Structures are given as structure tokens and as C-alpha cells.
Amino acid sequence: MELLRTLFAAAAAAALVAACGKGAETPSSATAPAKPGASAQAVSVDAIQADAQGFTVGQAMSARTVYVFFDAQCPHCGALWYAAKPLLSQAKFVWIPVRLLNDASESQGAALLAAKDPSAAMDEHEASLMDRKGGLKAEGDLAAQRAAIKKNTDLFNKFGLASVPSMVMKNSQTGAVVTHEGSMQTPQLAAFLGVPAQGK
């Protein structure tokens, strides 16, 4: 079943490399140096580290860290979650939930932040969405996590980002901050990170 889900996610990503936008689904932009709009704050890894709250998967001590703004209701974010799995031994991914699409985005994002094992909760959540069961159930007092989602979303908007998933990282060679809006298949994600596409 897990293999089937992974193949489904990969096929979905292969068929449509896209993102969920603020108003409607929009095609992804090309990977490019971060260029905020006239009124936007410059995309900054330092600001993300200081102000955003997410959960980490992959190699905690990796020199390659990619920050992923995602919405728990976004299918393209789910496709990226699965595409990243073969690369977890080579990079660190910090998944930062935002509320972009609907009310469930906030409650499920908060539940992921509150989970004892957010990675396992994300697997469960994505599997539930694929099975059309609605995703993770938000239970208990999640006020602190909901506040974190709001703060994450405010930062996402300050950066002038338009869709999820949105990835931010520093180029390992130049130190420049680069962004990519939209999902990627594993080989393209590996190229973005500058690592071999192992485990395809």
C-alpha cells in the first residue's frame, strides 16, 4: 500500500508540476533567485529561522537545508512530501505549515505541529487524504499551534510568495537565497538541492 501511495504521488507530480495558489491553483514558477515584489520583504533564511515554526525531517546536521512552506490541504504539497523521501539521507527539510486554502489548513497544520512525531503524523495525514478520508483530525487544545500557523502565514505573505509548496534555501556554492514555488519530482528536487537523485 505504501508503494502504491508513493507511485501515485510520483505519477501525480509527473503529470502536473503545480502549486496551490492563494486564489486558485496556479502553475509553478521556475526556480529563481528570491526577488520579492515592490512591497514584499526580502526572502530571508534568517527571518524563517527566527520567526517560523515547523518540523524537521531528514538529516538534522545536513549543510543542505530547505524550508518548505506548505498547506495541509494542498495536494501538490503532498506530492512534494513523497518526492522528498528518497532524499532524506542527504538533506534536511523543515516543513512550515501555513493557512492558505481553507479552515482545515489551519487546524490540520496545527495538529501536525502538536504531534509527538510530526513526520509520522504527516504520513498518516497524506495517506488519509489519498484515501479520501479527509486527513488528520485536529483534537485537543491547539491554540499555541494555531498562533504559530498565523505567524507562519504572515511571514509567507510578507515574502510575497503566491503559492504552496514554496521552497526556500541557500545555494550551497554561492550562499544566495533561492526559491521555488510548486512541486517537483525527485530528480528535479535533487538537482535543486545539489545532491544525487538516489533511491528513485
Protein backbone atom coordinates (compact mmCIF):
# COMPACT_ATOMS: atom_id res chain seq x y z
CA MET A 1 0.00 0.00 0.00
CA GLU A 2 2.84 2.40 0.85
CA LEU A 3 4.47 1.68 -2.51
CA LEU A 4 1.16 2.33 -4.24
CA ARG A 5 0.77 5.67 -2.48
CA THR A 6 4.34 6.66 -3.37
CA LEU A 7 3.84 5.69 -7.01
CA PHE A 8 0.54 7.58 -7.08
CA ALA A 9 2.18 10.70 -5.67
CA ALA A 10 5.07 10.44 -8.12
CA ALA A 11 2.68 9.98 -11.04
CA ALA A 12 0.65 12.97 -9.94
CA ALA A 13 3.77 15.09 -9.72
CA ALA A 14 4.98 13.83 -13.10
CA ALA A 15 1.66 14.63 -14.74
CA LEU A 16 1.38 18.11 -13.28
CA VAL A 17 4.14 20.08 -11.63
CA ALA A 18 1.97 22.70 -10.00
CA ALA A 19 1.16 24.59 -6.86
CA CYS A 20 -1.89 25.66 -4.88
CA GLY A 21 -2.24 29.42 -5.11
CA LYS A 22 -3.91 32.00 -2.89
CA GLY A 23 -6.90 32.42 -5.18
CA ALA A 24 -6.80 29.27 -7.28
CA GLU A 25 -4.39 26.61 -8.41
CA THR A 26 -1.60 28.18 -10.41
CA PRO A 27 1.30 26.72 -12.36
CA SER A 28 4.66 26.70 -10.65
CA SER A 29 7.27 29.29 -11.36
CA ALA A 30 10.77 28.39 -12.38
CA THR A 31 13.40 28.12 -9.70
CA ALA A 32 14.99 31.53 -9.37
CA PRO A 33 16.87 33.79 -7.01
CA ALA A 34 14.49 35.29 -4.48
CA LYS A 35 13.01 38.52 -5.89
CA PRO A 36 10.32 40.00 -3.68
CA GLY A 37 7.70 42.34 -5.09
CA ALA A 38 7.86 46.07 -4.53
CA SER A 39 6.02 45.88 -1.21
CA ALA A 40 7.35 42.49 -0.12
CA GLN A 41 10.06 41.76 2.41
CA ALA A 42 13.18 40.10 1.00
CA VAL A 43 13.02 36.31 1.39
CA SER A 44 15.41 35.55 4.23
CA VAL A 45 16.56 32.28 5.75
CA ASP A 46 17.43 34.22 8.92
CA ALA A 47 13.84 35.50 9.18
CA ILE A 48 12.49 31.98 8.65
CA GLN A 49 14.75 30.61 11.38
CA ALA A 50 13.73 33.41 13.75
CA ASP A 51 10.00 33.65 13.09
CA ALA A 52 8.66 30.42 11.55
CA GLN A 53 7.69 27.21 13.31
CA GLY A 54 7.81 23.88 11.52
CA PHE A 55 9.02 20.31 11.87
CA THR A 56 12.21 18.76 10.59
CA VAL A 57 12.72 15.56 8.61
CA GLY A 58 15.91 14.21 7.09
CA GLN A 59 19.47 14.78 8.22
CA ALA A 60 19.35 17.19 11.15
CA MET A 61 23.01 18.19 10.77
CA SER A 62 22.97 18.50 6.96
CA ALA A 63 24.61 21.51 5.35
CA ARG A 64 21.74 21.47 2.85
CA THR A 65 18.55 22.76 4.46
CA VAL A 66 15.40 23.52 2.53
CA TYR A 67 12.45 25.30 4.15
CA VAL A 68 9.08 24.24 2.73
CA PHE A 69 6.03 26.43 3.24
CA PHE A 70 3.07 24.09 2.77
CA ASP A 71 -0.67 23.90 3.27
CA ALA A 72 -2.04 20.70 4.81
CA GLN A 73 -4.89 20.72 2.26
CA CYS A 74 -2.65 21.15 -0.81
CA PRO A 75 -2.29 18.00 -2.96
CA HIS A 76 0.89 19.34 -4.58
CA CYS A 77 2.44 19.70 -1.14
CA GLY A 78 1.63 16.03 -0.56
CA ALA A 79 3.29 15.12 -3.85
CA LEU A 80 6.41 17.01 -2.76
CA TRP A 81 6.36 15.23 0.63
CA TYR A 82 6.63 11.87 -1.15
CA ALA A 83 9.14 13.14 -3.74
CA ALA A 84 11.44 14.26 -0.92
CA LYS A 85 11.51 10.90 0.86
CA PRO A 86 14.33 9.35 -1.23
CA LEU A 87 16.49 12.40 -0.43
CA LEU A 88 16.10 12.46 3.36
CA SER A 89 19.53 10.91 3.89
CA GLN A 90 21.14 13.80 2.00
CA ALA A 91 19.35 16.91 3.20
CA LYS A 92 17.28 18.48 5.95
CA PHE A 93 13.72 19.58 5.19
CA VAL A 94 11.89 21.95 7.51
CA TRP A 95 8.16 21.78 6.77
CA ILE A 96 6.37 25.01 7.75
CA PRO A 97 2.55 24.86 7.71
CA VAL A 98 0.52 27.88 6.60
CA ARG A 99 -3.19 28.62 6.20
CA LEU A 100 -3.73 29.37 2.52
CA LEU A 101 -6.67 27.31 1.26
CA ASN A 102 -9.33 26.84 3.96
CA ASP A 103 -10.07 26.43 7.68
CA ALA A 104 -8.87 22.80 7.68
CA SER A 105 -5.47 24.07 6.53
CA GLU A 106 -5.03 25.79 9.89
CA SER A 107 -6.46 23.06 12.11
CA GLN A 108 -4.58 20.22 10.40
CA GLY A 109 -1.37 22.24 10.24
CA ALA A 110 -1.72 22.91 13.98
CA ALA A 111 -2.30 19.20 14.63
CA LEU A 112 0.89 18.37 12.72
CA LEU A 113 2.89 20.85 14.80
CA ALA A 114 1.41 19.40 18.01
CA ALA A 115 2.09 15.76 17.09
CA LYS A 116 4.67 13.81 19.10
CA ASP A 117 6.07 12.52 15.80
CA PRO A 118 5.18 15.09 13.12
CA SER A 119 6.77 13.03 10.33
CA ALA A 120 4.61 10.00 11.14
CA ALA A 121 1.58 12.28 11.51
CA MET A 122 2.28 13.78 8.07
CA ASP A 123 2.50 10.28 6.57
CA GLU A 124 -0.84 9.43 8.20
CA HIS A 125 -2.37 12.70 7.05
CA GLU A 126 -1.29 12.31 3.42
CA ALA A 127 -2.43 8.67 3.35
CA SER A 128 -5.84 9.75 4.67
CA LEU A 129 -6.14 12.45 2.02
CA MET A 130 -5.24 9.97 -0.72
CA ASP A 131 -7.86 7.57 0.61
CA ARG A 132 -10.38 10.47 0.55
CA LYS A 133 -10.86 10.29 4.32
CA GLY A 134 -10.24 13.98 4.97
CA GLY A 135 -6.81 13.95 6.56
CA LEU A 136 -5.62 14.32 10.13
CA LYS A 137 -8.20 15.09 12.82
CA ALA A 138 -7.41 18.16 14.91
CA GLU A 139 -8.00 17.35 18.57
CA GLY A 140 -7.23 18.98 21.90
CA ASP A 141 -6.08 22.49 22.72
CA LEU A 142 -4.18 23.72 19.68
CA ALA A 143 -4.26 27.45 20.46
CA ALA A 144 -0.46 27.81 20.55
CA GLN A 145 -0.05 25.88 17.30
CA ARG A 146 -2.81 27.88 15.60
CA ALA A 147 -0.97 31.05 16.60
CA ALA A 148 2.18 29.59 15.05
CA ILE A 149 0.28 28.88 11.81
CA LYS A 150 -0.86 32.51 11.72
CA LYS A 151 2.71 33.71 12.26
CA ASN A 152 3.98 31.36 9.53
CA THR A 153 1.29 32.61 7.15
CA ASP A 154 2.09 36.24 7.92
CA LEU A 155 5.75 35.59 7.09
CA PHE A 156 4.79 33.75 3.89
CA ASN A 157 2.72 36.77 2.84
CA LYS A 158 5.42 39.27 3.84
CA PHE A 159 7.80 37.46 1.50
CA GLY A 160 5.33 37.94 -1.35
CA LEU A 161 5.09 34.21 -2.00
CA ALA A 162 1.99 33.30 -4.00
CA SER A 163 1.56 29.53 -3.81
CA VAL A 164 2.41 26.34 -1.97
CA PRO A 165 4.56 24.42 -1.76
CA SER A 166 7.17 27.19 -1.67
CA MET A 167 10.76 26.16 -1.02
CA VAL A 168 13.50 28.43 0.26
CA MET A 169 17.17 27.55 0.65
CA LYS A 170 20.66 28.95 0.38
CA ASN A 171 22.68 27.84 -2.61
CA SER A 172 25.48 25.72 -1.12
CA GLN A 173 28.06 27.20 -3.50
CA THR A 174 27.11 30.88 -3.73
CA GLY A 175 25.21 31.41 -0.47
CA ALA A 176 22.42 33.14 -2.42
CA VAL A 177 18.86 32.55 -1.26
CA VAL A 178 16.82 30.75 -3.93
CA THR A 179 13.13 29.93 -4.01
CA HIS A 180 10.86 27.61 -5.94
CA GLU A 181 7.07 27.67 -5.94
CA GLY A 182 5.47 24.36 -6.90
CA SER A 183 6.04 20.66 -6.52
CA MET A 184 8.93 18.75 -8.07
CA GLN A 185 9.66 15.15 -8.91
CA THR A 186 12.55 13.56 -7.02
CA PRO A 187 15.19 14.12 -9.78
CA GLN A 188 14.32 17.82 -10.10
CA LEU A 189 14.27 18.22 -6.32
CA ALA A 190 17.68 16.57 -6.10
CA ALA A 191 19.00 19.00 -8.71
CA PHE A 192 17.54 21.92 -6.75
CA LEU A 193 19.30 20.67 -3.63
CA GLY A 194 22.51 19.82 -5.47
CA VAL A 195 22.52 16.15 -4.43
CA PRO A 196 22.41 12.86 -6.39
CA ALA A 197 18.89 11.60 -7.11
CA GLN A 198 19.26 8.38 -5.14
CA GLY A 199 16.51 5.92 -4.44
CA LYS A 200 14.36 6.82 -7.46
